[in-house]
Each structure stands twice: as C-alpha cells, then as structure tokens.
PDB file of N, CA and C in Angstrom:
ATOM      1  N   MET A   1     117.747-228.285  58.302  1.00  0.00           N
ATOM      2  CA  MET A   1     116.932-228.142  59.503  1.00  0.00           C
ATOM      3  C   MET A   1     117.763-227.441  60.566  1.00  0.00           C
ATOM      4  N   SER A   2     117.141-226.550  61.296  1.00  0.00           N
ATOM      5  CA  SER A   2     117.860-225.807  62.322  1.00  0.00           C
ATOM      6  C   SER A   2     117.995-226.630  63.595  1.00  0.00           C
ATOM      7  N   ASN A   3     118.969-226.251  64.385  1.00  0.00           N
ATOM      8  CA  ASN A   3     119.187-226.902  65.667  1.00  0.00           C
ATOM      9  C   ASN A   3     118.688-225.954  66.754  1.00  0.00           C
ATOM     10  N   THR A   4     117.473-226.163  67.212  1.00  0.00           N
ATOM     11  CA  THR A   4     116.848-225.288  68.196  1.00  0.00           C
ATOM     12  C   THR A   4     117.213-225.753  69.595  1.00  0.00           C
ATOM     13  N   SER A   5     117.837-224.854  70.351  1.00  0.00           N
ATOM     14  CA  SER A   5     118.257-225.218  71.701  1.00  0.00           C
ATOM     15  C   SER A   5     117.145-224.949  72.707  1.00  0.00           C
ATOM     16  N   ASP A   6     117.260-225.587  73.845  1.00  0.00           N
ATOM     17  CA  ASP A   6     116.308-225.360  74.935  1.00  0.00           C
ATOM     18  C   ASP A   6     116.344-223.902  75.384  1.00  0.00           C
ATOM     19  N   THR A   7     117.527-223.296  75.347  1.00  0.00           N
ATOM     20  CA  THR A   7     117.665-221.889  75.737  1.00  0.00           C
ATOM     21  C   THR A   7     116.902-220.993  74.778  1.00  0.00           C
ATOM     22  N   GLN A   8     117.006-221.270  73.474  1.00  0.00           N
ATOM     23  CA  GLN A   8     116.270-220.478  72.489  1.00  0.00           C
ATOM     24  C   GLN A   8     114.760-220.615  72.705  1.00  0.00           C
ATOM     25  N   LEU A   9     114.307-221.836  72.947  1.00  0.00           N
ATOM     26  CA  LEU A   9     112.888-222.070  73.190  1.00  0.00           C
ATOM     27  C   LEU A   9     112.417-221.310  74.428  1.00  0.00           C
ATOM     28  N   ALA A  10     113.199-221.400  75.493  1.00  0.00           N
ATOM     29  CA  ALA A  10     112.847-220.710  76.739  1.00  0.00           C
ATOM     30  C   ALA A  10     112.834-219.195  76.534  1.00  0.00           C
ATOM     31  N   ASP A  11     113.824-218.677  75.818  1.00  0.00           N
ATOM     32  CA  ASP A  11     113.880-217.234  75.554  1.00  0.00           C
ATOM     33  C   ASP A  11     112.691-216.789  74.714  1.00  0.00           C
ATOM     34  N   PHE A  12     112.374-217.557  73.671  1.00  0.00           N
ATOM     35  CA  PHE A  12     111.238-217.221  72.819  1.00  0.00           C
ATOM     36  C   PHE A  12     109.954-217.180  73.640  1.00  0.00           C
ATOM     37  N   CYS A  13     109.728-218.202  74.442  1.00  0.00           N
ATOM     38  CA  CYS A  13     108.515-218.280  75.266  1.00  0.00           C
ATOM     39  C   CYS A  13     108.466-217.150  76.279  1.00  0.00           C
ATOM     40  N   SER A  14     109.581-216.833  76.879  1.00  0.00           N
ATOM     41  CA  SER A  14     109.643-215.783  77.883  1.00  0.00           C
ATOM     42  C   SER A  14     109.321-214.415  77.277  1.00  0.00           C
ATOM     43  N   ILE A  15     109.866-214.139  76.120  1.00  0.00           N
ATOM     44  CA  ILE A  15     109.686-212.830  75.481  1.00  0.00           C
ATOM     45  C   ILE A  15     108.296-212.677  74.886  1.00  0.00           C
ATOM     46  N   THR A  16     107.784-213.730  74.260  1.00  0.00           N
ATOM     47  CA  THR A  16     106.504-213.638  73.556  1.00  0.00           C
ATOM     48  C   THR A  16     105.305-213.997  74.421  1.00  0.00           C
ATOM     49  N   GLY A  17     105.541-214.748  75.481  1.00  0.00           N
ATOM     50  CA  GLY A  17     104.436-215.210  76.314  1.00  0.00           C
ATOM     51  C   GLY A  17     103.790-216.486  75.803  1.00  0.00           C
ATOM     52  N   VAL A  18     104.373-217.086  74.780  1.00  0.00           N
ATOM     53  CA  VAL A  18     103.853-218.344  74.231  1.00  0.00           C
ATOM     54  C   VAL A  18     104.154-219.462  75.215  1.00  0.00           C
ATOM     55  N   ASN A  19     103.154-220.291  75.521  1.00  0.00           N
ATOM     56  CA  ASN A  19     103.337-221.393  76.458  1.00  0.00           C
ATOM     57  C   ASN A  19     103.475-222.736  75.769  1.00  0.00           C
ATOM     58  N   ASP A  20     103.261-222.773  74.478  1.00  0.00           N
ATOM     59  CA  ASP A  20     103.301-224.006  73.703  1.00  0.00           C
ATOM     60  C   ASP A  20     104.682-224.178  73.059  1.00  0.00           C
ATOM     61  N   ILE A  21     105.451-225.130  73.565  1.00  0.00           N
ATOM     62  CA  ILE A  21     106.807-225.364  73.077  1.00  0.00           C
ATOM     63  C   ILE A  21     106.812-225.726  71.592  1.00  0.00           C
ATOM     64  N   ASP A  22     105.814-226.467  71.137  1.00  0.00           N
ATOM     65  CA  ASP A  22     105.754-226.831  69.718  1.00  0.00           C
ATOM     66  C   ASP A  22     105.597-225.596  68.835  1.00  0.00           C
ATOM     67  N   SER A  23     104.779-224.642  69.259  1.00  0.00           N
ATOM     68  CA  SER A  23     104.626-223.395  68.505  1.00  0.00           C
ATOM     69  C   SER A  23     105.935-222.614  68.495  1.00  0.00           C
ATOM     70  N   ALA A  24     106.584-222.532  69.638  1.00  0.00           N
ATOM     71  CA  ALA A  24     107.871-221.840  69.722  1.00  0.00           C
ATOM     72  C   ALA A  24     108.886-222.505  68.793  1.00  0.00           C
ATOM     73  N   ARG A  25     108.909-223.821  68.801  1.00  0.00           N
ATOM     74  CA  ARG A  25     109.831-224.564  67.941  1.00  0.00           C
ATOM     75  C   ARG A  25     109.544-224.281  66.468  1.00  0.00           C
ATOM     76  N   GLN A  26     108.267-224.179  66.098  1.00  0.00           N
ATOM     77  CA  GLN A  26     107.899-223.894  64.704  1.00  0.00           C
ATOM     78  C   GLN A  26     108.418-222.529  64.275  1.00  0.00           C
ATOM     79  N   TYR A  27     108.239-221.519  65.122  1.00  0.00           N
ATOM     80  CA  TYR A  27     108.746-220.184  64.781  1.00  0.00           C
ATOM     81  C   TYR A  27     110.265-220.205  64.620  1.00  0.00           C
ATOM     82  N   LEU A  28     110.950-220.892  65.514  1.00  0.00           N
ATOM     83  CA  LEU A  28     112.408-220.954  65.430  1.00  0.00           C
ATOM     84  C   LEU A  28     112.873-221.772  64.221  1.00  0.00           C
ATOM     85  N   THR A  29     112.123-222.797  63.864  1.00  0.00           N
ATOM     86  CA  THR A  29     112.477-223.604  62.696  1.00  0.00           C
ATOM     87  C   THR A  29     112.316-222.789  61.419  1.00  0.00           C
ATOM     88  N   VAL A  30     111.190-222.086  61.316  1.00  0.00           N
ATOM     89  CA  VAL A  30     110.936-221.259  60.133  1.00  0.00           C
ATOM     90  C   VAL A  30     111.999-220.176  59.990  1.00  0.00           C
ATOM     91  N   SER A  31     112.471-219.649  61.088  1.00  0.00           N
ATOM     92  CA  SER A  31     113.475-218.587  61.057  1.00  0.00           C
ATOM     93  C   SER A  31     114.901-219.143  61.075  1.00  0.00           C
ATOM     94  N   ASP A  32     115.029-220.442  60.853  1.00  0.00           N
ATOM     95  CA  ASP A  32     116.333-221.119  60.793  1.00  0.00           C
ATOM     96  C   ASP A  32     117.162-220.893  62.055  1.00  0.00           C
ATOM     97  N   GLY A  33     116.478-220.913  63.208  1.00  0.00           N
ATOM     98  CA  GLY A  33     117.168-220.808  64.487  1.00  0.00           C
ATOM     99  C   GLY A  33     117.516-219.396  64.913  1.00  0.00           C
ATOM    100  N   ASP A  34     117.107-218.395  64.135  1.00  0.00           N
ATOM    101  CA  ASP A  34     117.393-216.998  64.467  1.00  0.00           C
ATOM    102  C   ASP A  34     116.323-216.503  65.437  1.00  0.00           C
ATOM    103  N   LEU A  35     116.678-216.368  66.704  1.00  0.00           N
ATOM    104  CA  LEU A  35     115.730-216.003  67.752  1.00  0.00           C
ATOM    105  C   LEU A  35     115.072-214.654  67.472  1.00  0.00           C
ATOM    106  N   GLN A  36     115.860-213.661  67.086  1.00  0.00           N
ATOM    107  CA  GLN A  36     115.293-212.331  66.822  1.00  0.00           C
ATOM    108  C   GLN A  36     114.296-212.371  65.672  1.00  0.00           C
ATOM    109  N   GLN A  37     114.612-213.110  64.633  1.00  0.00           N
ATOM    110  CA  GLN A  37     113.693-213.227  63.504  1.00  0.00           C
ATOM    111  C   GLN A  37     112.422-213.966  63.918  1.00  0.00           C
ATOM    112  N   ALA A  38     112.550-215.011  64.713  1.00  0.00           N
ATOM    113  CA  ALA A  38     111.386-215.767  65.177  1.00  0.00           C
ATOM    114  C   ALA A  38     110.463-214.872  66.001  1.00  0.00           C
ATOM    115  N   ILE A  39     111.029-214.062  66.864  1.00  0.00           N
ATOM    116  CA  ILE A  39     110.238-213.140  67.677  1.00  0.00           C
ATOM    117  C   ILE A  39     109.554-212.109  66.794  1.00  0.00           C
ATOM    118  N   SER A  40     110.274-211.587  65.818  1.00  0.00           N
ATOM    119  CA  SER A  40     109.679-210.623  64.885  1.00  0.00           C
ATOM    120  C   SER A  40     108.521-211.237  64.126  1.00  0.00           C
ATOM    121  N   LEU A  41     108.695-212.460  63.647  1.00  0.00           N
ATOM    122  CA  LEU A  41     107.616-213.145  62.934  1.00  0.00           C
ATOM    123  C   LEU A  41     106.391-213.298  63.825  1.00  0.00           C
ATOM    124  N   TYR A  42     106.620-213.647  65.060  1.00  0.00           N
ATOM    125  CA  TYR A  42     105.509-213.820  66.001  1.00  0.00           C
ATOM    126  C   TYR A  42     104.734-212.514  66.175  1.00  0.00           C
ATOM    127  N   PHE A  43     105.448-211.432  66.442  1.00  0.00           N
ATOM    128  CA  PHE A  43     104.768-210.172  66.709  1.00  0.00           C
ATOM    129  C   PHE A  43     104.203-209.527  65.453  1.00  0.00           C
ATOM    130  N   GLU A  44     104.752-209.843  64.283  1.00  0.00           N
ATOM    131  CA  GLU A  44     104.251-209.269  63.030  1.00  0.00           C
ATOM    132  C   GLU A  44     103.020-209.981  62.501  1.00  0.00           C
ATOM    133  N   GLY A  45     102.813-211.237  62.868  1.00  0.00           N
ATOM    134  CA  GLY A  45     101.664-211.911  62.289  1.00  0.00           C
ATOM    135  C   GLY A  45     101.163-213.107  63.049  1.00  0.00           C
ATOM    136  N   GLY A  46     102.017-213.798  63.731  1.00  0.00           N
ATOM    137  CA  GLY A  46     101.611-215.020  64.394  1.00  0.00           C
ATOM    138  C   GLY A  46     100.946-214.814  65.722  1.00  0.00           C
ATOM    139  N   GLN A  47     101.071-213.631  66.264  1.00  0.00           N
ATOM    140  CA  GLN A  47     100.538-213.359  67.594  1.00  0.00           C
ATOM    141  C   GLN A  47      99.036-213.594  67.649  1.00  0.00           C
ATOM    142  N   ALA A  48      98.323-213.225  66.618  1.00  0.00           N
ATOM    143  CA  ALA A  48      96.861-213.371  66.641  1.00  0.00           C
ATOM    144  C   ALA A  48      96.454-214.829  66.726  1.00  0.00           C
ATOM    145  N   SER A  49      97.148-215.693  65.989  1.00  0.00           N
ATOM    146  CA  SER A  49      96.771-217.106  66.029  1.00  0.00           C
ATOM    147  C   SER A  49      97.128-217.719  67.373  1.00  0.00           C
ATOM    148  N   ALA A  50      98.237-217.325  67.952  1.00  0.00           N
ATOM    149  CA  ALA A  50      98.621-217.852  69.262  1.00  0.00           C
ATOM    150  C   ALA A  50      97.694-217.304  70.343  1.00  0.00           C
ATOM    151  N   ALA A  51      97.335-216.031  70.231  1.00  0.00           N
ATOM    152  CA  ALA A  51      96.463-215.419  71.233  1.00  0.00           C
ATOM    153  C   ALA A  51      95.069-216.043  71.203  1.00  0.00           C
ATOM    154  N   SER A  52      94.655-216.513  70.048  1.00  0.00           N
ATOM    155  CA  SER A  52      93.321-217.097  69.949  1.00  0.00           C
ATOM    156  C   SER A  52      93.245-218.439  70.669  1.00  0.00           C
ATOM    157  N   GLN A  53      94.388-219.018  71.020  1.00  0.00           N
ATOM    158  CA  GLN A  53      94.405-220.288  71.729  1.00  0.00           C
ATOM    159  C   GLN A  53      94.199-220.112  73.229  1.00  0.00           C
ATOM    160  N   ILE A  54      94.248-218.867  73.713  1.00  0.00           N
ATOM    161  CA  ILE A  54      94.046-218.593  75.135  1.00  0.00           C
ATOM    162  C   ILE A  54      92.552-218.624  75.413  1.00  0.00           C
ATOM    163  N   THR A  55      92.178-219.322  76.434  1.00  0.00           N
ATOM    164  CA  THR A  55      90.765-219.381  76.782  1.00  0.00           C
ATOM    165  C   THR A  55      90.358-218.083  77.477  1.00  0.00           C
ATOM    166  N   PRO A  56      89.099-217.718  77.432  1.00  0.00           N
ATOM    167  CA  PRO A  56      88.645-216.476  78.079  1.00  0.00           C
ATOM    168  C   PRO A  56      89.006-216.407  79.566  1.00  0.00           C
ATOM    169  N   ASN A  57      89.056-217.529  80.256  1.00  0.00           N
ATOM    170  CA  ASN A  57      89.399-217.538  81.675  1.00  0.00           C
ATOM    171  C   ASN A  57      90.855-217.180  81.918  1.00  0.00           C
ATOM    172  N   GLU A  58      91.718-217.336  80.912  1.00  0.00           N
ATOM    173  CA  GLU A  58      93.136-217.035  81.069  1.00  0.00           C
ATOM    174  C   GLU A  58      93.443-215.563  80.799  1.00  0.00           C
ATOM    175  N   ARG A  59      92.508-214.847  80.197  1.00  0.00           N
ATOM    176  CA  ARG A  59      92.725-213.444  79.882  1.00  0.00           C
ATOM    177  C   ARG A  59      92.387-212.584  81.091  1.00  0.00           C
ATOM    178  N   GLN A  60      93.212-211.553  81.300  1.00  0.00           N
ATOM    179  CA  GLN A  60      92.937-210.608  82.373  1.00  0.00           C
ATOM    180  C   GLN A  60      91.940-209.570  81.880  1.00  0.00           C
ATOM    181  N   PRO A  61      91.080-209.084  82.757  1.00  0.00           N
ATOM    182  CA  PRO A  61      90.239-207.953  82.374  1.00  0.00           C
ATOM    183  C   PRO A  61      91.115-206.756  82.030  1.00  0.00           C
ATOM    184  N   ILE A  62      90.664-205.907  81.154  1.00  0.00           N
ATOM    185  CA  ILE A  62      91.450-204.766  80.690  1.00  0.00           C
ATOM    186  C   ILE A  62      91.899-203.886  81.850  1.00  0.00           C
ATOM    187  N   ALA A  63      91.018-203.630  82.786  1.00  0.00           N
ATOM    188  CA  ALA A  63      91.362-202.760  83.924  1.00  0.00           C
ATOM    189  C   ALA A  63      92.525-203.332  84.718  1.00  0.00           C
ATOM    190  N   GLU A  64      92.588-204.646  84.909  1.00  0.00           N
ATOM    191  CA  GLU A  64      93.676-205.267  85.641  1.00  0.00           C
ATOM    192  C   GLU A  64      94.948-205.247  84.834  1.00  0.00           C
ATOM    193  N   ALA A  65      94.863-205.406  83.540  1.00  0.00           N
ATOM    194  CA  ALA A  65      96.046-205.432  82.688  1.00  0.00           C
ATOM    195  C   ALA A  65      96.720-204.062  82.636  1.00  0.00           C
ATOM    196  N   VAL A  66      95.956-202.998  82.710  1.00  0.00           N
ATOM    197  CA  VAL A  66      96.493-201.649  82.640  1.00  0.00           C
ATOM    198  C   VAL A  66      97.188-201.264  83.934  1.00  0.00           C
ATOM    199  N   ASN A  67      96.660-201.724  85.057  1.00  0.00           N
ATOM    200  CA  ASN A  67      97.234-201.356  86.352  1.00  0.00           C
ATOM    201  C   ASN A  67      98.447-202.111  86.597  1.00  0.00           C
TER     202      ASN A  67
END
C-alpha cells in the first residue's frame, strides 16, 4: 500500500480540479503514490467520471469559461 501524503493529495486536487479527497487518494493509491502517474490516469480516463459528479449549477457557461 502506498503512503499518500497530504501534500500529494493537495497537489493532485490543485492540478486536476478534483474536490473529493477520497477520489484523489484512489488515483494516488492506484499509481502507488506516483503523483505524475496519478494525474496522467485522471486526464487519460478518469476525468469523465469525476466531471460527471459536478452538478449543472457548478459548471460555468461556455462563454464565461472562454473569457
């Protein structure tokens, strides 16, 4: 089992935008504590499942996101 530090969790959340610490911990556990690998896994496939947890009220309209 990997030893996931609070710093790794904070870095993962900051870079990916994930707000769920348990999800961040899962990515880091699967990647054996390798932050770069965990981030890659998130952006290569896990992003869709995490993004689906955002409610419509939390999403910005496209026009605001572009500006």
